[in-house]
Amino acid sequence: YERDAAAAELQHTTQELHNAKAEVTKLGALVAELQCRLALFKSTDLSKEKQTIDSNEEALIEARAALDAERAGTERLERALAAALADNATLAAKLHASDNDEPTQQPTEQPPSASTNICPIDSFLAE
């Protein structure tokens, strides 16, 4: 009787061992599939991230170029405004001098200076 019970228990244990091996094999296959999915996801995610970085880099380059162009335009405008201020100061000094002249003196005609022939703003806008 003990032999039959031991044989039945051995058979039952063997069956459970086979079931456990089958479960381990299934889980191994599942792990392999999940690793493949993860690798695919990482490569896709990295390529999307690289595309995002590339598009951000392009936007940054465009913004820098626009900023450089704006800076160059601002510098030209500053030079034109400085020239206009200098011309205005010259004209103001001439007007002040002519307002304070004796009324008996005839105003003398002076040829316009080269700095006031062309308005700096006009030359700036022409560029």
C-alpha atoms as a PDB file:
ATOM      1  CA  TYR A   1       0.000   0.000   0.000  1.00  0.00           C
ATOM      2  CA  GLU A   2       2.819   2.397   0.806  1.00  0.00           C
ATOM      3  CA  ARG A   3       4.393   1.716  -2.542  1.00  0.00           C
ATOM      4  CA  ASP A   4       1.217   2.601  -4.361  1.00  0.00           C
ATOM      5  CA  ALA A   5       0.837   5.772  -2.314  1.00  0.00           C
ATOM      6  CA  ALA A   6       4.478   6.732  -2.950  1.00  0.00           C
ATOM      7  CA  ALA A   7       4.093   6.003  -6.679  1.00  0.00           C
ATOM      8  CA  ALA A   8       0.908   8.101  -6.834  1.00  0.00           C
ATOM      9  CA  GLU A   9       2.616  10.930  -4.983  1.00  0.00           C
ATOM     10  CA  LEU A  10       5.628  10.695  -7.312  1.00  0.00           C
ATOM     11  CA  GLN A  11       3.336  10.803 -10.333  1.00  0.00           C
ATOM     12  CA  HIS A  12       1.471  13.792  -8.900  1.00  0.00           C
ATOM     13  CA  THR A  13       4.745  15.585  -8.100  1.00  0.00           C
ATOM     14  CA  THR A  14       6.069  14.818 -11.593  1.00  0.00           C
ATOM     15  CA  GLN A  15       2.886  16.232 -13.121  1.00  0.00           C
ATOM     16  CA  GLU A  16       3.211  19.416 -11.045  1.00  0.00           C
ATOM     17  CA  LEU A  17       6.863  19.685 -12.060  1.00  0.00           C
ATOM     18  CA  HIS A  18       5.885  19.462 -15.738  1.00  0.00           C
ATOM     19  CA  ASN A  19       3.180  22.082 -15.195  1.00  0.00           C
ATOM     20  CA  ALA A  20       5.698  24.330 -13.438  1.00  0.00           C
ATOM     21  CA  LYS A  21       8.205  23.865 -16.299  1.00  0.00           C
ATOM     22  CA  ALA A  22       5.487  24.750 -18.825  1.00  0.00           C
ATOM     23  CA  GLU A  23       4.609  27.850 -16.798  1.00  0.00           C
ATOM     24  CA  VAL A  24       8.293  28.834 -16.619  1.00  0.00           C
ATOM     25  CA  THR A  25       8.570  28.403 -20.405  1.00  0.00           C
ATOM     26  CA  LYS A  26       5.447  30.559 -20.962  1.00  0.00           C
ATOM     27  CA  LEU A  27       6.803  33.230 -18.634  1.00  0.00           C
ATOM     28  CA  GLY A  28      10.189  33.099 -20.405  1.00  0.00           C
ATOM     29  CA  ALA A  29       8.461  33.647 -23.747  1.00  0.00           C
ATOM     30  CA  LEU A  30       6.457  36.509 -22.255  1.00  0.00           C
ATOM     31  CA  VAL A  31       9.639  38.094 -20.869  1.00  0.00           C
ATOM     32  CA  ALA A  32      11.327  37.787 -24.287  1.00  0.00           C
ATOM     33  CA  GLU A  33       8.314  39.372 -26.010  1.00  0.00           C
ATOM     34  CA  LEU A  34       8.200  42.207 -23.492  1.00  0.00           C
ATOM     35  CA  GLN A  35      11.948  42.795 -23.915  1.00  0.00           C
ATOM     36  CA  CYS A  36      11.470  43.018 -27.686  1.00  0.00           C
ATOM     37  CA  ARG A  37       8.604  45.467 -27.239  1.00  0.00           C
ATOM     38  CA  LEU A  38      10.673  47.521 -24.815  1.00  0.00           C
ATOM     39  CA  ALA A  39      13.624  47.628 -27.215  1.00  0.00           C
ATOM     40  CA  LEU A  40      11.316  48.677 -30.049  1.00  0.00           C
ATOM     41  CA  PHE A  41       9.662  51.295 -27.854  1.00  0.00           C
ATOM     42  CA  LYS A  42      13.038  52.682 -26.759  1.00  0.00           C
ATOM     43  CA  SER A  43      14.323  52.914 -30.331  1.00  0.00           C
ATOM     44  CA  THR A  44      11.089  54.570 -31.489  1.00  0.00           C
ATOM     45  CA  ASP A  45      11.085  56.870 -28.482  1.00  0.00           C
ATOM     46  CA  LEU A  46      14.728  57.812 -29.055  1.00  0.00           C
ATOM     47  CA  SER A  47      14.091  58.556 -32.725  1.00  0.00           C
ATOM     48  CA  LYS A  48      11.086  60.723 -31.796  1.00  0.00           C
ATOM     49  CA  GLU A  49      13.186  62.459 -29.154  1.00  0.00           C
ATOM     50  CA  LYS A  50      15.961  62.992 -31.715  1.00  0.00           C
ATOM     51  CA  GLN A  51      13.428  64.438 -34.170  1.00  0.00           C
ATOM     52  CA  THR A  52      12.182  66.763 -31.439  1.00  0.00           C
ATOM     53  CA  ILE A  53      15.741  67.799 -30.631  1.00  0.00           C
ATOM     54  CA  ASP A  54      16.455  68.350 -34.346  1.00  0.00           C
ATOM     55  CA  SER A  55      13.343  70.494 -34.792  1.00  0.00           C
ATOM     56  CA  ASN A  56      14.178  72.449 -31.634  1.00  0.00           C
ATOM     57  CA  GLU A  57      17.709  72.975 -32.916  1.00  0.00           C
ATOM     58  CA  GLU A  58      16.368  74.217 -36.260  1.00  0.00           C
ATOM     59  CA  ALA A  59      14.026  76.613 -34.478  1.00  0.00           C
ATOM     60  CA  LEU A  60      16.921  77.865 -32.366  1.00  0.00           C
ATOM     61  CA  ILE A  61      19.069  78.442 -35.460  1.00  0.00           C
ATOM     62  CA  GLU A  62      16.209  80.338 -37.129  1.00  0.00           C
ATOM     63  CA  ALA A  63      15.662  82.419 -34.001  1.00  0.00           C
ATOM     64  CA  ARG A  64      19.377  83.247 -33.822  1.00  0.00           C
ATOM     65  CA  ALA A  65      19.394  84.296 -37.480  1.00  0.00           C
ATOM     66  CA  ALA A  66      16.340  86.495 -36.934  1.00  0.00           C
ATOM     67  CA  LEU A  67      17.954  87.990 -33.837  1.00  0.00           C
ATOM     68  CA  ASP A  68      21.172  88.736 -35.734  1.00  0.00           C
ATOM     69  CA  ALA A  69      19.197  90.406 -38.532  1.00  0.00           C
ATOM     70  CA  GLU A  70      17.233  92.424 -35.978  1.00  0.00           C
ATOM     71  CA  ARG A  71      20.449  93.417 -34.227  1.00  0.00           C
ATOM     72  CA  ALA A  72      21.998  94.570 -37.523  1.00  0.00           C
ATOM     73  CA  GLY A  73      18.870  96.591 -38.333  1.00  0.00           C
ATOM     74  CA  THR A  74      18.930  98.142 -34.876  1.00  0.00           C
ATOM     75  CA  GLU A  75      22.574  99.140 -35.278  1.00  0.00           C
ATOM     76  CA  ARG A  76      21.831 100.808 -38.636  1.00  0.00           C
ATOM     77  CA  LEU A  77      18.882 102.614 -37.082  1.00  0.00           C
ATOM     78  CA  GLU A  78      21.046 103.789 -34.176  1.00  0.00           C
ATOM     79  CA  ARG A  79      23.613 105.207 -36.608  1.00  0.00           C
ATOM     80  CA  ALA A  80      20.890 106.927 -38.647  1.00  0.00           C
ATOM     81  CA  LEU A  81      19.317 108.385 -35.506  1.00  0.00           C
ATOM     82  CA  ALA A  82      22.700 109.601 -34.256  1.00  0.00           C
ATOM     83  CA  ALA A  83      23.316 111.332 -37.591  1.00  0.00           C
ATOM     84  CA  ALA A  84      19.816 112.845 -37.498  1.00  0.00           C
ATOM     85  CA  LEU A  85      20.409 114.125 -33.958  1.00  0.00           C
ATOM     86  CA  ALA A  86      23.697 115.666 -35.037  1.00  0.00           C
ATOM     87  CA  ASP A  87      21.966 117.373 -37.982  1.00  0.00           C
ATOM     88  CA  ASN A  88      19.185 118.590 -35.687  1.00  0.00           C
ATOM     89  CA  ALA A  89      21.735 120.007 -33.266  1.00  0.00           C
ATOM     90  CA  THR A  90      23.511 121.780 -36.129  1.00  0.00           C
ATOM     91  CA  LEU A  91      20.243 123.208 -37.444  1.00  0.00           C
ATOM     92  CA  ALA A  92      19.163 124.257 -33.950  1.00  0.00           C
ATOM     93  CA  ALA A  93      22.464 126.059 -33.465  1.00  0.00           C
ATOM     94  CA  LYS A  94      22.057 127.836 -36.822  1.00  0.00           C
ATOM     95  CA  LEU A  95      18.471 128.839 -35.980  1.00  0.00           C
ATOM     96  CA  HIS A  96      19.533 130.078 -32.569  1.00  0.00           C
ATOM     97  CA  ALA A  97      22.342 132.094 -34.134  1.00  0.00           C
ATOM     98  CA  SER A  98      20.047 133.565 -36.789  1.00  0.00           C
ATOM     99  CA  ASP A  99      17.388 134.427 -34.180  1.00  0.00           C
ATOM    100  CA  ASN A 100      19.967 136.255 -32.084  1.00  0.00           C
ATOM    101  CA  ASP A 101      21.534 138.181 -34.990  1.00  0.00           C
ATOM    102  CA  GLU A 102      21.093 141.916 -35.237  1.00  0.00           C
ATOM    103  CA  PRO A 103      17.989 142.791 -37.275  1.00  0.00           C
ATOM    104  CA  THR A 104      20.032 145.130 -39.464  1.00  0.00           C
ATOM    105  CA  GLN A 105      22.201 142.363 -40.796  1.00  0.00           C
ATOM    106  CA  GLN A 106      21.159 140.681 -43.974  1.00  0.00           C
ATOM    107  CA  PRO A 107      20.938 136.931 -43.694  1.00  0.00           C
ATOM    108  CA  THR A 108      23.681 135.429 -45.741  1.00  0.00           C
ATOM    109  CA  GLU A 109      22.925 132.450 -47.805  1.00  0.00           C
ATOM    110  CA  GLN A 110      25.011 129.498 -46.965  1.00  0.00           C
ATOM    111  CA  PRO A 111      25.104 126.396 -49.091  1.00  0.00           C
ATOM    112  CA  PRO A 112      23.561 123.500 -47.233  1.00  0.00           C
ATOM    113  CA  SER A 113      26.123 121.232 -45.682  1.00  0.00           C
ATOM    114  CA  ALA A 114      26.638 117.750 -47.006  1.00  0.00           C
ATOM    115  CA  SER A 115      25.369 116.285 -43.760  1.00  0.00           C
ATOM    116  CA  THR A 116      21.910 117.823 -44.224  1.00  0.00           C
ATOM    117  CA  ASN A 117      21.490 117.251 -47.964  1.00  0.00           C
ATOM    118  CA  ILE A 118      20.292 113.724 -47.365  1.00  0.00           C
ATOM    119  CA  CYS A 119      18.325 112.993 -44.278  1.00  0.00           C
ATOM    120  CA  PRO A 120      19.880 110.069 -42.372  1.00  0.00           C
ATOM    121  CA  ILE A 121      16.452 108.549 -41.865  1.00  0.00           C
ATOM    122  CA  ASP A 122      15.850 108.626 -45.638  1.00  0.00           C
ATOM    123  CA  SER A 123      19.190 106.943 -46.278  1.00  0.00           C
ATOM    124  CA  PHE A 124      18.369 104.361 -43.607  1.00  0.00           C
ATOM    125  CA  LEU A 125      14.989 103.640 -45.167  1.00  0.00           C
ATOM    126  CA  ALA A 126      16.587 103.423 -48.611  1.00  0.00           C
ATOM    127  CA  GLU A 127      18.768 100.570 -47.378  1.00  0.00           C
END
